[in-house]
Amino acid sequence: MDYQPLAIPDVVLMTPQVFGDERGFFMETFRQNEFERHCGNHQFVQDNHSKSRRGILRGLHYQLQQPQGKLVRVTQGRVFDVAVDLRKDSASFGEWVGVELSADNKQMLWVPPGFAHGFYVISETAEFSYKCTDYYAPDDEHSIRYDDPVLGIDWPLAEGGEPQLSAKDEAGKLFQESETFA
């Protein structure tokens, strides 16, 4: 596995070594000791899997009392995946990084606790799988607007159109109104 810190160094792009032949392929998707060496000592307690169609945007989500680190990957299709630093004491507070994750590139993204996370589906459909360092707590979930002008995230929206959002994400707060991590 290749571990590449991004512009916000705590966010790490992971590229597995893929072994393939005419029968298919094999890759290791997670190894605890290597993950700890490159990303820190985090334990995962919950795995999630979703499927969405083109134009769906999920996020930007985070939990304050039970912050979740997420190790995310796409098992079918393509998404543009974004992490926003919400740690007030960080040099990159309020900054974002984004990468394309796909079933073809097989890359994974480590989004540590203290970040908001979201993704936009580029392909016709996409299946998104992720490991979490804490349990989902619906009463603790927060959402920041995907189109927040302060963040200025450059989403690759289809033909400049509006993404399809859940009611929760439609009601997301602006970055400057959102609670962040001390």
C-alpha atoms as a PDB file:
ATOM      1  CA  MET A   1       0.000   0.000   0.000  1.00  0.00           C
ATOM      2  CA  ASP A   2       1.253   3.441  -0.892  1.00  0.00           C
ATOM      3  CA  TYR A   3       0.306   6.161   1.620  1.00  0.00           C
ATOM      4  CA  GLN A   4       0.352   9.721   0.224  1.00  0.00           C
ATOM      5  CA  PRO A   5      -0.432  12.663   2.539  1.00  0.00           C
ATOM      6  CA  LEU A   6      -2.412  15.318   0.654  1.00  0.00           C
ATOM      7  CA  ALA A   7      -2.293  19.141   0.867  1.00  0.00           C
ATOM      8  CA  ILE A   8      -3.777  18.732   4.353  1.00  0.00           C
ATOM      9  CA  PRO A   9      -1.192  16.157   5.533  1.00  0.00           C
ATOM     10  CA  ASP A  10      -3.495  14.361   8.000  1.00  0.00           C
ATOM     11  CA  VAL A  11      -5.713  13.353   5.060  1.00  0.00           C
ATOM     12  CA  VAL A  12      -4.017  10.411   3.351  1.00  0.00           C
ATOM     13  CA  LEU A  13      -4.634   8.907  -0.089  1.00  0.00           C
ATOM     14  CA  MET A  14      -3.982   5.161  -0.035  1.00  0.00           C
ATOM     15  CA  THR A  15      -3.204   3.245  -3.225  1.00  0.00           C
ATOM     16  CA  PRO A  16      -3.135  -0.545  -2.909  1.00  0.00           C
ATOM     17  CA  GLN A  17      -0.847  -2.821  -4.845  1.00  0.00           C
ATOM     18  CA  VAL A  18      -3.103  -4.759  -7.221  1.00  0.00           C
ATOM     19  CA  PHE A  19      -2.193  -8.211  -8.504  1.00  0.00           C
ATOM     20  CA  GLY A  20      -4.147  -9.184 -11.595  1.00  0.00           C
ATOM     21  CA  ASP A  21      -4.269 -11.640 -14.441  1.00  0.00           C
ATOM     22  CA  GLU A  22      -6.872 -13.075 -16.798  1.00  0.00           C
ATOM     23  CA  ARG A  23      -8.785 -14.461 -13.798  1.00  0.00           C
ATOM     24  CA  GLY A  24      -9.276 -11.096 -12.131  1.00  0.00           C
ATOM     25  CA  PHE A  25      -7.364  -9.324  -9.369  1.00  0.00           C
ATOM     26  CA  PHE A  26      -6.385  -9.421  -5.704  1.00  0.00           C
ATOM     27  CA  MET A  27      -5.501  -6.532  -3.410  1.00  0.00           C
ATOM     28  CA  GLU A  28      -5.083  -6.003   0.290  1.00  0.00           C
ATOM     29  CA  THR A  29      -7.439  -3.221   1.383  1.00  0.00           C
ATOM     30  CA  PHE A  30      -6.429  -2.829   5.019  1.00  0.00           C
ATOM     31  CA  ARG A  31      -3.597  -3.817   7.351  1.00  0.00           C
ATOM     32  CA  GLN A  32      -3.832  -2.401  10.903  1.00  0.00           C
ATOM     33  CA  ASN A  33      -0.103  -2.119  11.652  1.00  0.00           C
ATOM     34  CA  GLU A  34       0.680  -0.302   8.373  1.00  0.00           C
ATOM     35  CA  PHE A  35      -2.348   1.958   8.771  1.00  0.00           C
ATOM     36  CA  GLU A  36      -1.183   2.938  12.283  1.00  0.00           C
ATOM     37  CA  ARG A  37       2.336   3.649  11.006  1.00  0.00           C
ATOM     38  CA  HIS A  38       1.069   6.050   8.326  1.00  0.00           C
ATOM     39  CA  CYS A  39      -2.224   7.404   9.701  1.00  0.00           C
ATOM     40  CA  GLY A  40      -2.129   7.028  13.492  1.00  0.00           C
ATOM     41  CA  ASN A  41      -3.490   4.691  16.109  1.00  0.00           C
ATOM     42  CA  HIS A  42      -7.165   4.408  15.206  1.00  0.00           C
ATOM     43  CA  GLN A  43      -9.502   1.446  15.626  1.00  0.00           C
ATOM     44  CA  PHE A  44     -12.551   0.913  13.442  1.00  0.00           C
ATOM     45  CA  VAL A  45     -15.906  -0.004  14.992  1.00  0.00           C
ATOM     46  CA  GLN A  46     -18.402   0.241  12.123  1.00  0.00           C
ATOM     47  CA  ASP A  47     -18.451  -0.448   8.373  1.00  0.00           C
ATOM     48  CA  ASN A  48     -20.991   1.181   6.032  1.00  0.00           C
ATOM     49  CA  HIS A  49     -21.896   0.747   2.374  1.00  0.00           C
ATOM     50  CA  SER A  50     -24.119   2.983   0.228  1.00  0.00           C
ATOM     51  CA  LYS A  51     -25.238   3.156  -3.376  1.00  0.00           C
ATOM     52  CA  SER A  52     -26.115   6.402  -5.123  1.00  0.00           C
ATOM     53  CA  ARG A  53     -26.803   7.558  -8.659  1.00  0.00           C
ATOM     54  CA  ARG A  54     -25.193  10.310 -10.746  1.00  0.00           C
ATOM     55  CA  GLY A  55     -25.659  13.804  -9.391  1.00  0.00           C
ATOM     56  CA  ILE A  56     -26.215  12.772  -5.753  1.00  0.00           C
ATOM     57  CA  LEU A  57     -24.143  14.725  -3.249  1.00  0.00           C
ATOM     58  CA  ARG A  58     -23.879  13.387   0.297  1.00  0.00           C
ATOM     59  CA  GLY A  59     -22.348  15.733   2.862  1.00  0.00           C
ATOM     60  CA  LEU A  60     -20.656  17.590   4.266  1.00  0.00           C
ATOM     61  CA  HIS A  61     -21.203  15.498   7.417  1.00  0.00           C
ATOM     62  CA  TYR A  62     -19.494  15.277  10.797  1.00  0.00           C
ATOM     63  CA  GLN A  63     -20.162  14.401  14.435  1.00  0.00           C
ATOM     64  CA  LEU A  64     -18.903  16.619  17.279  1.00  0.00           C
ATOM     65  CA  GLN A  65     -19.297  14.518  20.434  1.00  0.00           C
ATOM     66  CA  GLN A  66     -18.461  11.233  18.720  1.00  0.00           C
ATOM     67  CA  PRO A  67     -16.093  12.323  15.936  1.00  0.00           C
ATOM     68  CA  GLN A  68     -15.616   9.723  13.250  1.00  0.00           C
ATOM     69  CA  GLY A  69     -12.472   9.037  11.300  1.00  0.00           C
ATOM     70  CA  LYS A  70     -13.410   7.425   7.984  1.00  0.00           C
ATOM     71  CA  LEU A  71     -11.489   5.180   5.632  1.00  0.00           C
ATOM     72  CA  VAL A  72     -13.469   5.463   2.401  1.00  0.00           C
ATOM     73  CA  ARG A  73     -13.386   3.701  -0.966  1.00  0.00           C
ATOM     74  CA  VAL A  74     -15.546   3.156  -4.035  1.00  0.00           C
ATOM     75  CA  THR A  75     -16.331  -0.424  -5.052  1.00  0.00           C
ATOM     76  CA  GLN A  76     -18.367   0.473  -8.158  1.00  0.00           C
ATOM     77  CA  GLY A  77     -18.388   3.705 -10.167  1.00  0.00           C
ATOM     78  CA  ARG A  78     -16.689   7.067  -9.485  1.00  0.00           C
ATOM     79  CA  VAL A  79     -17.075   9.846  -6.921  1.00  0.00           C
ATOM     80  CA  PHE A  80     -15.394  13.128  -6.069  1.00  0.00           C
ATOM     81  CA  ASP A  81     -14.586  12.829  -2.358  1.00  0.00           C
ATOM     82  CA  VAL A  82     -13.975  15.845  -0.084  1.00  0.00           C
ATOM     83  CA  ALA A  83     -12.596  16.381   3.424  1.00  0.00           C
ATOM     84  CA  VAL A  84     -12.862  19.767   5.210  1.00  0.00           C
ATOM     85  CA  ASP A  85     -10.657  20.529   8.224  1.00  0.00           C
ATOM     86  CA  LEU A  86     -12.856  21.655  11.145  1.00  0.00           C
ATOM     87  CA  ARG A  87     -10.111  21.641  13.804  1.00  0.00           C
ATOM     88  CA  LYS A  88      -9.775  25.239  15.058  1.00  0.00           C
ATOM     89  CA  ASP A  89      -6.195  24.683  16.248  1.00  0.00           C
ATOM     90  CA  SER A  90      -5.068  23.349  12.859  1.00  0.00           C
ATOM     91  CA  ALA A  91      -2.997  25.347  10.376  1.00  0.00           C
ATOM     92  CA  SER A  92      -5.408  24.103   7.687  1.00  0.00           C
ATOM     93  CA  PHE A  93      -8.646  25.016   9.543  1.00  0.00           C
ATOM     94  CA  GLY A  94     -11.381  25.722   6.985  1.00  0.00           C
ATOM     95  CA  GLU A  95      -9.421  24.241   4.081  1.00  0.00           C
ATOM     96  CA  TRP A  96     -10.534  21.309   1.950  1.00  0.00           C
ATOM     97  CA  VAL A  97      -9.005  18.590  -0.184  1.00  0.00           C
ATOM     98  CA  GLY A  98     -10.751  16.535  -2.846  1.00  0.00           C
ATOM     99  CA  VAL A  99      -9.861  13.458  -4.870  1.00  0.00           C
ATOM    100  CA  GLU A 100     -11.581  11.196  -7.347  1.00  0.00           C
ATOM    101  CA  LEU A 101     -12.098   7.711  -5.975  1.00  0.00           C
ATOM    102  CA  SER A 102     -13.217   4.947  -8.294  1.00  0.00           C
ATOM    103  CA  ALA A 103     -13.543   1.209  -8.661  1.00  0.00           C
ATOM    104  CA  ASP A 104     -10.897   1.503 -11.388  1.00  0.00           C
ATOM    105  CA  ASN A 105      -8.217   3.385  -9.420  1.00  0.00           C
ATOM    106  CA  LYS A 106      -9.029   1.376  -6.257  1.00  0.00           C
ATOM    107  CA  GLN A 107      -7.709   4.198  -4.086  1.00  0.00           C
ATOM    108  CA  MET A 108      -8.908   4.856  -0.548  1.00  0.00           C
ATOM    109  CA  LEU A 109      -8.984   8.069   1.461  1.00  0.00           C
ATOM    110  CA  TRP A 110      -8.298   8.398   5.185  1.00  0.00           C
ATOM    111  CA  VAL A 111     -10.380  11.262   6.623  1.00  0.00           C
ATOM    112  CA  PRO A 112      -9.384  11.692  10.293  1.00  0.00           C
ATOM    113  CA  PRO A 113     -11.693  12.701  13.149  1.00  0.00           C
ATOM    114  CA  GLY A 114     -12.177  16.477  13.171  1.00  0.00           C
ATOM    115  CA  PHE A 115     -13.115  16.730   9.492  1.00  0.00           C
ATOM    116  CA  ALA A 116     -16.384  17.123   7.628  1.00  0.00           C
ATOM    117  CA  HIS A 117     -16.751  14.640   4.776  1.00  0.00           C
ATOM    118  CA  GLY A 118     -18.821  14.431   1.619  1.00  0.00           C
ATOM    119  CA  PHE A 119     -18.875  13.019  -1.878  1.00  0.00           C
ATOM    120  CA  TYR A 120     -20.480  13.649  -5.259  1.00  0.00           C
ATOM    121  CA  VAL A 121     -21.331  10.818  -7.671  1.00  0.00           C
ATOM    122  CA  ILE A 122     -19.748  11.306 -11.106  1.00  0.00           C
ATOM    123  CA  SER A 123     -20.644   7.956 -12.720  1.00  0.00           C
ATOM    124  CA  GLU A 124     -24.131   6.638 -13.507  1.00  0.00           C
ATOM    125  CA  THR A 125     -24.137   4.897 -10.107  1.00  0.00           C
ATOM    126  CA  ALA A 126     -21.529   4.412  -7.395  1.00  0.00           C
ATOM    127  CA  GLU A 127     -21.174   2.113  -4.424  1.00  0.00           C
ATOM    128  CA  PHE A 128     -19.321   3.696  -1.534  1.00  0.00           C
ATOM    129  CA  SER A 129     -17.857   1.716   1.363  1.00  0.00           C
ATOM    130  CA  TYR A 130     -16.275   3.097   4.512  1.00  0.00           C
ATOM    131  CA  LYS A 131     -14.920   2.144   7.897  1.00  0.00           C
ATOM    132  CA  CYS A 132     -15.602   4.435  10.895  1.00  0.00           C
ATOM    133  CA  THR A 133     -13.669   4.964  14.127  1.00  0.00           C
ATOM    134  CA  ASP A 134     -16.839   5.701  16.120  1.00  0.00           C
ATOM    135  CA  TYR A 135     -20.473   4.719  15.894  1.00  0.00           C
ATOM    136  CA  TYR A 136     -23.030   6.693  13.932  1.00  0.00           C
ATOM    137  CA  ALA A 137     -24.895   8.980  16.335  1.00  0.00           C
ATOM    138  CA  PRO A 138     -27.858  10.605  14.544  1.00  0.00           C
ATOM    139  CA  ASP A 139     -28.420  13.118  17.360  1.00  0.00           C
ATOM    140  CA  ASP A 140     -24.797  14.272  16.987  1.00  0.00           C
ATOM    141  CA  GLU A 141     -24.703  14.582  13.193  1.00  0.00           C
ATOM    142  CA  HIS A 142     -24.045  17.988  11.648  1.00  0.00           C
ATOM    143  CA  SER A 143     -24.078  19.120   8.030  1.00  0.00           C
ATOM    144  CA  ILE A 144     -22.328  22.021   6.307  1.00  0.00           C
ATOM    145  CA  ARG A 145     -23.655  23.264   2.970  1.00  0.00           C
ATOM    146  CA  TYR A 146     -21.823  21.805   0.000  1.00  0.00           C
ATOM    147  CA  ASP A 147     -21.884  25.224  -1.733  1.00  0.00           C
ATOM    148  CA  ASP A 148     -20.593  27.271   1.183  1.00  0.00           C
ATOM    149  CA  PRO A 149     -18.929  30.384  -0.304  1.00  0.00           C
ATOM    150  CA  VAL A 150     -16.193  30.544   2.354  1.00  0.00           C
ATOM    151  CA  LEU A 151     -15.093  26.967   1.677  1.00  0.00           C
ATOM    152  CA  GLY A 152     -15.397  27.365  -2.097  1.00  0.00           C
ATOM    153  CA  ILE A 153     -15.275  23.654  -2.875  1.00  0.00           C
ATOM    154  CA  ASP A 154     -14.819  23.051  -6.589  1.00  0.00           C
ATOM    155  CA  TRP A 155     -17.299  20.195  -7.051  1.00  0.00           C
ATOM    156  CA  PRO A 156     -17.265  18.687 -10.579  1.00  0.00           C
ATOM    157  CA  LEU A 157     -21.022  19.117 -10.968  1.00  0.00           C
ATOM    158  CA  ALA A 158     -22.538  17.577 -14.109  1.00  0.00           C
ATOM    159  CA  GLU A 159     -22.956  20.298 -16.748  1.00  0.00           C
ATOM    160  CA  GLY A 160     -22.833  22.926 -14.005  1.00  0.00           C
ATOM    161  CA  GLY A 161     -26.158  21.685 -12.636  1.00  0.00           C
ATOM    162  CA  GLU A 162     -27.325  21.484  -9.067  1.00  0.00           C
ATOM    163  CA  PRO A 163     -26.685  18.228  -7.177  1.00  0.00           C
ATOM    164  CA  GLN A 164     -29.465  16.199  -5.617  1.00  0.00           C
ATOM    165  CA  LEU A 165     -29.372  16.557  -1.825  1.00  0.00           C
ATOM    166  CA  SER A 166     -31.170  14.963   1.103  1.00  0.00           C
ATOM    167  CA  ALA A 167     -33.457  17.174   3.190  1.00  0.00           C
ATOM    168  CA  LYS A 168     -30.807  17.101   5.940  1.00  0.00           C
ATOM    169  CA  ASP A 169     -28.145  18.388   3.560  1.00  0.00           C
ATOM    170  CA  GLU A 170     -30.495  21.012   2.094  1.00  0.00           C
ATOM    171  CA  ALA A 171     -30.808  22.341   5.651  1.00  0.00           C
ATOM    172  CA  GLY A 172     -27.025  22.303   6.219  1.00  0.00           C
ATOM    173  CA  LYS A 173     -25.447  25.327   7.861  1.00  0.00           C
ATOM    174  CA  LEU A 174     -22.926  27.703   6.399  1.00  0.00           C
ATOM    175  CA  PHE A 175     -19.339  27.096   7.527  1.00  0.00           C
ATOM    176  CA  GLN A 176     -19.200  30.290   9.615  1.00  0.00           C
ATOM    177  CA  GLU A 177     -22.384  29.260  11.464  1.00  0.00           C
ATOM    178  CA  SER A 178     -21.249  25.671  12.099  1.00  0.00           C
ATOM    179  CA  GLU A 179     -19.871  24.272  15.297  1.00  0.00           C
ATOM    180  CA  THR A 180     -16.282  23.111  14.905  1.00  0.00           C
ATOM    181  CA  PHE A 181     -13.708  21.173  16.920  1.00  0.00           C
ATOM    182  CA  ALA A 182     -11.799  23.012  19.659  1.00  0.00           C
END
